[in-house]
Amino acid sequence: MVSKLQIRSHFDLINDLTHLFVDELKQLGYQRADYYCLPDVDLKDEKKSPNYIPVEKVSNDEAHKAILNSYADIYKKPNLSSRVLKRHPGLLILQDVDQLKVKARIAQINKAKSDFKQCILGIDNNDARFEAVHNAIPNLITLAAYRKIHFETASPYSVRFTWMHKHSTKTLSKKLALEMLAKSASYSNPRMIDQQTWQTLVAQEQSRVASLGDKEKLRIRRPTRVSPQVNIRYTAKNRYHVSAALPFIMINPTADVKFGTLGDYQKVDSHPRKREYDFLVDRLYLEQVDN
């Protein structure tokens, strides 16, 4: 059983280390600071998928201040969505600093965040987790507190920003999928259709899943809201990307590293590399997994 004291203790460590880190960054100064301001998401818009997201770039001292403030943005704000988390894409370049010391501090914070997450996940179900966390730390946005600080100490060819559509995936058995469908059959007036039509629809979905073999592998592949990412490239094959939910930190890079910017997001109706999914149950984004 996870206690309120344990939750609070883990969280206080994150808080203390983050405040230390921010104070240290103030003392270190910066060579370059860019921050990309994204619009807030109102409660009424949290379920909408945006077709366009404007980006406002700020630099130097204004950006540096926004970057430092971003690490403490973990609490719910009035009338703003706590489901669609505020992202803080940015770039902070530290030059001529003690690389080992900065890395050690970031590693401490990221480990504290990971430990806090494991503590929360030790609570049995979502409702109990929500109750326990908000009892211990009112108005905390738990997922925001989990966010790791990403950084690089080597000097890649380029560091650029982009927008990415990702998927939330969950594997499950045929039995679990049927249990999920059985629960949804009892929902009242979903999708604003009458109950009989709804139950007929669910029965058809149950029939499709029931026809599968018992050892068939299934997966829910649900699209998530578009989000900013950082692409770090060394060569065409040696590259990786990380979330830009928090500013990306470059520590002592060489002068020849190329840095990009984050442009406005504009939804593209069709993409040449877009994969067409053949879902077993479209409503749940449920698909069979190829063996």
Protein backbone atom coordinates (compact mmCIF):
# COMPACT_ATOMS: atom_id res chain seq x y z
CA MET A 1 0.00 0.00 0.00
CA VAL A 2 1.44 3.36 -1.09
CA SER A 3 1.04 5.98 1.64
CA LYS A 4 0.44 9.71 1.35
CA LEU A 5 3.82 10.26 3.03
CA GLN A 6 5.62 8.19 0.37
CA ILE A 7 3.97 10.10 -2.46
CA ARG A 8 4.73 13.45 -0.87
CA SER A 9 8.32 12.43 -0.08
CA HIS A 10 9.03 11.43 -3.71
CA PHE A 11 7.42 14.61 -5.00
CA ASP A 12 9.29 16.88 -2.57
CA LEU A 13 12.59 15.41 -3.78
CA ILE A 14 11.68 16.26 -7.40
CA ASN A 15 10.73 19.77 -6.30
CA ASP A 16 13.94 20.35 -4.34
CA LEU A 17 16.19 19.06 -7.12
CA THR A 18 14.34 21.08 -9.77
CA HIS A 19 14.69 24.29 -7.76
CA LEU A 20 18.41 23.59 -7.34
CA PHE A 21 18.75 22.99 -11.07
CA VAL A 22 16.95 26.22 -11.97
CA ASP A 23 19.16 28.20 -9.57
CA GLU A 24 22.26 26.60 -11.09
CA LEU A 25 21.10 27.43 -14.62
CA LYS A 26 20.62 31.06 -13.61
CA GLN A 27 24.22 31.17 -12.40
CA LEU A 28 25.61 29.40 -15.47
CA GLY A 29 23.98 31.74 -17.95
CA TYR A 30 23.57 30.59 -21.57
CA GLN A 31 25.06 30.92 -25.03
CA ARG A 32 21.72 30.63 -26.80
CA ALA A 33 18.11 30.34 -25.66
CA ASP A 34 15.07 29.81 -27.92
CA TYR A 35 11.56 29.11 -26.69
CA TYR A 36 8.45 28.31 -28.73
CA CYS A 37 5.21 29.56 -27.18
CA LEU A 38 2.23 27.29 -27.89
CA PRO A 39 -1.40 28.30 -27.23
CA ASP A 40 -3.13 27.09 -24.07
CA VAL A 41 -5.87 24.48 -24.53
CA ASP A 42 -9.21 25.38 -22.96
CA LEU A 43 -11.29 22.74 -21.20
CA LYS A 44 -13.92 22.95 -23.94
CA ASP A 45 -11.34 22.17 -26.64
CA GLU A 46 -9.45 19.30 -25.00
CA LYS A 47 -11.16 16.60 -27.09
CA LYS A 48 -10.68 18.40 -30.39
CA SER A 49 -7.85 17.46 -32.72
CA PRO A 50 -6.32 20.72 -33.99
CA ASN A 51 -5.82 21.39 -37.68
CA TYR A 52 -3.53 24.32 -36.98
CA ILE A 53 -1.28 25.30 -34.05
CA PRO A 54 0.46 28.69 -34.22
CA VAL A 55 3.96 28.97 -32.77
CA GLU A 56 5.53 32.16 -31.44
CA LYS A 57 9.32 32.09 -31.09
CA VAL A 58 11.11 34.15 -28.44
CA SER A 59 14.86 34.27 -27.86
CA ASN A 60 17.58 35.36 -25.45
CA ASP A 61 16.54 36.60 -21.98
CA GLU A 62 12.79 36.24 -22.59
CA ALA A 63 13.32 32.68 -23.79
CA HIS A 64 15.70 31.89 -20.93
CA LYS A 65 13.10 33.01 -18.38
CA ALA A 66 10.37 30.93 -20.09
CA ILE A 67 12.67 27.88 -20.17
CA LEU A 68 13.41 28.14 -16.44
CA ASN A 69 9.71 28.60 -15.65
CA SER A 70 8.75 25.55 -17.74
CA TYR A 71 10.24 23.10 -15.22
CA ALA A 72 7.72 24.19 -12.57
CA ASP A 73 4.66 24.01 -14.86
CA ILE A 74 3.10 20.92 -13.30
CA TYR A 75 -0.12 22.20 -11.74
CA LYS A 76 -3.64 22.49 -13.10
CA LYS A 77 -4.75 26.01 -14.05
CA PRO A 78 -8.34 27.31 -13.93
CA ASN A 79 -10.35 26.75 -17.14
CA LEU A 80 -7.40 25.08 -18.91
CA SER A 81 -7.22 21.41 -19.85
CA SER A 82 -5.22 19.10 -17.62
CA ARG A 83 -5.63 16.21 -20.09
CA VAL A 84 -3.87 17.99 -22.97
CA LEU A 85 -0.61 18.95 -21.31
CA LYS A 86 1.09 22.25 -22.02
CA ARG A 87 4.24 21.62 -24.06
CA HIS A 88 7.37 23.73 -23.68
CA PRO A 89 9.53 23.22 -26.79
CA GLY A 90 12.76 25.12 -26.60
CA LEU A 91 16.52 24.98 -26.92
CA LEU A 92 19.04 25.96 -24.25
CA ILE A 93 22.74 25.93 -25.17
CA LEU A 94 25.21 25.90 -22.29
CA GLN A 95 28.82 26.60 -23.20
CA ASP A 96 32.04 26.24 -21.19
CA VAL A 97 30.26 24.65 -18.23
CA ASP A 98 31.17 21.71 -16.01
CA GLN A 99 29.59 18.99 -18.15
CA LEU A 100 29.75 16.27 -15.50
CA LYS A 101 28.07 18.47 -12.89
CA VAL A 102 25.20 19.47 -15.18
CA LYS A 103 24.71 15.87 -16.35
CA ALA A 104 24.70 14.63 -12.76
CA ARG A 105 22.02 17.11 -11.72
CA ILE A 106 19.77 16.22 -14.68
CA ALA A 107 20.28 12.52 -13.98
CA GLN A 108 19.25 13.10 -10.35
CA ILE A 109 16.05 14.86 -11.42
CA ASN A 110 15.16 12.25 -14.04
CA LYS A 111 15.73 9.41 -11.56
CA ALA A 112 13.54 11.17 -8.97
CA LYS A 113 10.82 11.54 -11.60
CA SER A 114 11.11 7.86 -12.52
CA ASP A 115 10.95 6.81 -8.86
CA PHE A 116 7.89 9.01 -8.33
CA LYS A 117 6.20 7.41 -11.35
CA GLN A 118 6.91 3.90 -10.09
CA CYS A 119 5.53 4.86 -6.68
CA ILE A 120 2.27 6.08 -8.26
CA LEU A 121 1.99 3.04 -10.54
CA GLY A 122 2.22 0.89 -7.41
CA ILE A 123 -1.39 1.92 -6.71
CA ASP A 124 -3.83 -0.60 -8.15
CA ASN A 125 -6.17 1.34 -10.46
CA ASN A 126 -6.61 4.74 -12.11
CA ASP A 127 -9.31 6.01 -9.76
CA ALA A 128 -7.30 5.09 -6.68
CA ARG A 129 -4.17 6.69 -8.17
CA PHE A 130 -5.99 9.93 -8.92
CA GLU A 131 -7.43 10.06 -5.41
CA ALA A 132 -4.11 9.29 -3.73
CA VAL A 133 -2.05 11.78 -5.76
CA HIS A 134 -4.49 14.66 -5.45
CA ASN A 135 -4.88 13.98 -1.76
CA ALA A 136 -1.14 14.31 -1.29
CA ILE A 137 -0.48 17.06 -3.87
CA PRO A 138 -3.63 19.04 -4.77
CA ASN A 139 -3.93 20.20 -8.42
CA LEU A 140 -0.84 18.31 -9.56
CA ILE A 141 -0.87 17.16 -13.19
CA THR A 142 0.81 13.80 -12.63
CA LEU A 143 1.96 13.27 -16.23
CA ALA A 144 3.62 16.70 -16.22
CA ALA A 145 5.60 15.74 -13.12
CA TYR A 146 6.80 12.57 -14.91
CA ARG A 147 8.40 14.48 -17.82
CA LYS A 148 12.11 13.88 -18.20
CA ILE A 149 14.64 16.55 -19.09
CA HIS A 150 16.37 15.63 -22.36
CA PHE A 151 19.89 16.78 -23.17
CA GLU A 152 22.95 16.01 -25.29
CA THR A 153 26.65 16.33 -24.53
CA ALA A 154 28.04 15.09 -27.84
CA SER A 155 27.93 17.34 -30.90
CA PRO A 156 25.54 15.99 -33.55
CA TYR A 157 25.30 17.23 -37.14
CA SER A 158 21.96 18.92 -36.37
CA VAL A 159 19.27 19.50 -33.77
CA ARG A 160 15.90 20.29 -35.33
CA PHE A 161 12.26 20.47 -34.29
CA THR A 162 9.22 18.89 -35.87
CA TRP A 163 5.60 17.93 -35.21
CA MET A 164 4.83 14.25 -34.76
CA HIS A 165 1.72 12.11 -34.64
CA LYS A 166 2.24 9.21 -32.26
CA HIS A 167 0.12 6.27 -31.16
CA SER A 168 -0.72 4.94 -27.73
CA THR A 169 -0.49 1.14 -27.95
CA LYS A 170 -1.74 -1.59 -25.65
CA THR A 171 -1.60 -5.33 -26.31
CA LEU A 172 -4.38 -7.56 -25.04
CA SER A 173 -5.80 -11.06 -25.33
CA LYS A 174 -8.98 -12.13 -27.09
CA LYS A 175 -10.57 -12.71 -23.68
CA LEU A 176 -9.74 -9.20 -22.47
CA ALA A 177 -11.03 -7.66 -25.71
CA LEU A 178 -14.36 -9.50 -25.31
CA GLU A 179 -14.63 -8.34 -21.70
CA MET A 180 -14.03 -4.76 -22.83
CA LEU A 181 -16.76 -5.05 -25.48
CA ALA A 182 -19.17 -6.62 -22.97
CA LYS A 183 -18.74 -3.59 -20.70
CA SER A 184 -19.29 -1.13 -23.53
CA ALA A 185 -22.54 -2.87 -24.51
CA SER A 186 -24.09 -1.63 -21.27
CA TYR A 187 -23.18 2.02 -21.84
CA SER A 188 -26.23 4.26 -22.21
CA ASN A 189 -26.78 6.44 -25.28
CA PRO A 190 -23.21 6.52 -26.59
CA ARG A 191 -22.64 8.47 -29.81
CA MET A 192 -26.16 9.87 -29.47
CA ILE A 193 -27.77 6.76 -30.98
CA ASP A 194 -30.56 4.67 -29.48
CA GLN A 195 -29.68 1.79 -27.18
CA GLN A 196 -30.89 -0.97 -29.50
CA THR A 197 -28.77 0.29 -32.41
CA TRP A 198 -25.78 0.59 -30.09
CA GLN A 199 -26.13 -2.96 -28.77
CA THR A 200 -26.46 -4.28 -32.33
CA LEU A 201 -23.22 -2.51 -33.25
CA VAL A 202 -21.38 -3.93 -30.23
CA ALA A 203 -22.76 -7.43 -30.95
CA GLN A 204 -21.24 -7.25 -34.44
CA GLU A 205 -17.89 -6.22 -32.93
CA GLN A 206 -18.08 -9.08 -30.41
CA SER A 207 -18.79 -11.52 -33.22
CA ARG A 208 -15.70 -10.41 -35.14
CA VAL A 209 -13.45 -10.81 -32.09
CA ALA A 210 -15.07 -14.11 -31.03
CA SER A 211 -14.32 -15.62 -34.46
CA LEU A 212 -10.58 -15.30 -33.82
CA GLY A 213 -8.42 -18.06 -32.42
CA ASP A 214 -7.83 -18.00 -28.66
CA LYS A 215 -4.10 -17.35 -29.11
CA GLU A 216 -4.57 -14.46 -31.56
CA LYS A 217 -2.60 -11.36 -30.59
CA LEU A 218 -4.53 -8.11 -30.47
CA ARG A 219 -3.51 -4.50 -30.01
CA ILE A 220 -5.23 -1.18 -29.44
CA ARG A 221 -3.39 1.43 -31.48
CA ARG A 222 -5.00 4.75 -30.60
CA PRO A 223 -3.76 7.96 -32.24
CA THR A 224 -2.71 10.69 -29.82
CA ARG A 225 -2.68 14.46 -30.18
CA VAL A 226 0.10 15.89 -32.34
CA SER A 227 3.10 17.02 -30.30
CA PRO A 228 6.46 18.76 -30.87
CA GLN A 229 9.59 16.63 -31.03
CA VAL A 230 13.35 17.21 -31.15
CA ASN A 231 15.29 15.37 -33.87
CA ILE A 232 18.98 14.82 -33.15
CA ARG A 233 20.97 13.69 -36.18
CA TYR A 234 24.56 12.51 -36.41
CA THR A 235 24.32 10.77 -39.78
CA ALA A 236 21.47 9.63 -42.02
CA LYS A 237 21.33 6.35 -40.07
CA ASN A 238 22.52 7.53 -36.66
CA ARG A 239 19.72 9.72 -35.38
CA TYR A 240 17.06 9.76 -32.70
CA HIS A 241 14.15 11.88 -31.51
CA VAL A 242 12.79 12.82 -28.10
CA SER A 243 9.77 14.70 -26.80
CA ALA A 244 9.94 18.49 -26.82
CA ALA A 245 7.51 18.70 -23.90
CA LEU A 246 10.37 20.37 -22.01
CA PRO A 247 13.23 22.42 -23.49
CA PHE A 248 16.15 20.48 -24.95
CA ILE A 249 19.56 21.25 -23.44
CA MET A 250 22.83 21.16 -25.38
CA ILE A 251 25.94 21.05 -23.19
CA ASN A 252 29.21 22.40 -24.66
CA PRO A 253 28.41 21.77 -28.36
CA THR A 254 30.92 22.56 -31.10
CA ALA A 255 30.31 25.62 -33.25
CA ASP A 256 29.36 23.65 -36.38
CA VAL A 257 26.15 22.05 -35.02
CA LYS A 258 23.15 23.12 -37.10
CA PHE A 259 20.04 24.19 -35.16
CA GLY A 260 16.52 24.32 -36.54
CA THR A 261 13.30 26.00 -35.43
CA LEU A 262 9.75 24.85 -34.73
CA GLY A 263 7.25 26.09 -37.29
CA ASP A 264 3.48 26.32 -37.06
CA TYR A 265 1.62 23.02 -37.20
CA GLN A 266 -0.65 22.59 -40.21
CA LYS A 267 -2.55 19.33 -40.55
CA VAL A 268 -1.96 17.55 -43.85
CA ASP A 269 -5.02 15.73 -45.20
CA SER A 270 -3.01 12.96 -46.81
CA HIS A 271 0.58 11.96 -46.29
CA PRO A 272 2.57 9.83 -48.81
CA ARG A 273 3.89 7.62 -46.00
CA LYS A 274 0.63 7.36 -44.06
CA ARG A 275 -0.35 3.78 -43.35
CA GLU A 276 -3.95 2.71 -43.77
CA TYR A 277 -4.99 0.60 -40.79
CA ASP A 278 -7.42 -2.27 -41.14
CA PHE A 279 -8.98 -2.22 -37.68
CA LEU A 280 -10.92 -5.18 -36.37
CA VAL A 281 -12.98 -2.75 -34.28
CA ASP A 282 -12.68 0.80 -35.62
CA ARG A 283 -14.29 2.35 -32.55
CA LEU A 284 -11.56 1.01 -30.24
CA TYR A 285 -8.72 1.14 -32.77
CA LEU A 286 -8.42 -2.61 -32.15
CA GLU A 287 -6.30 -4.53 -34.63
CA GLN A 288 -4.76 -7.97 -35.05
CA VAL A 289 -1.00 -8.18 -34.65
CA ASP A 290 0.84 -9.86 -37.48
CA ASN A 291 2.74 -12.92 -36.32
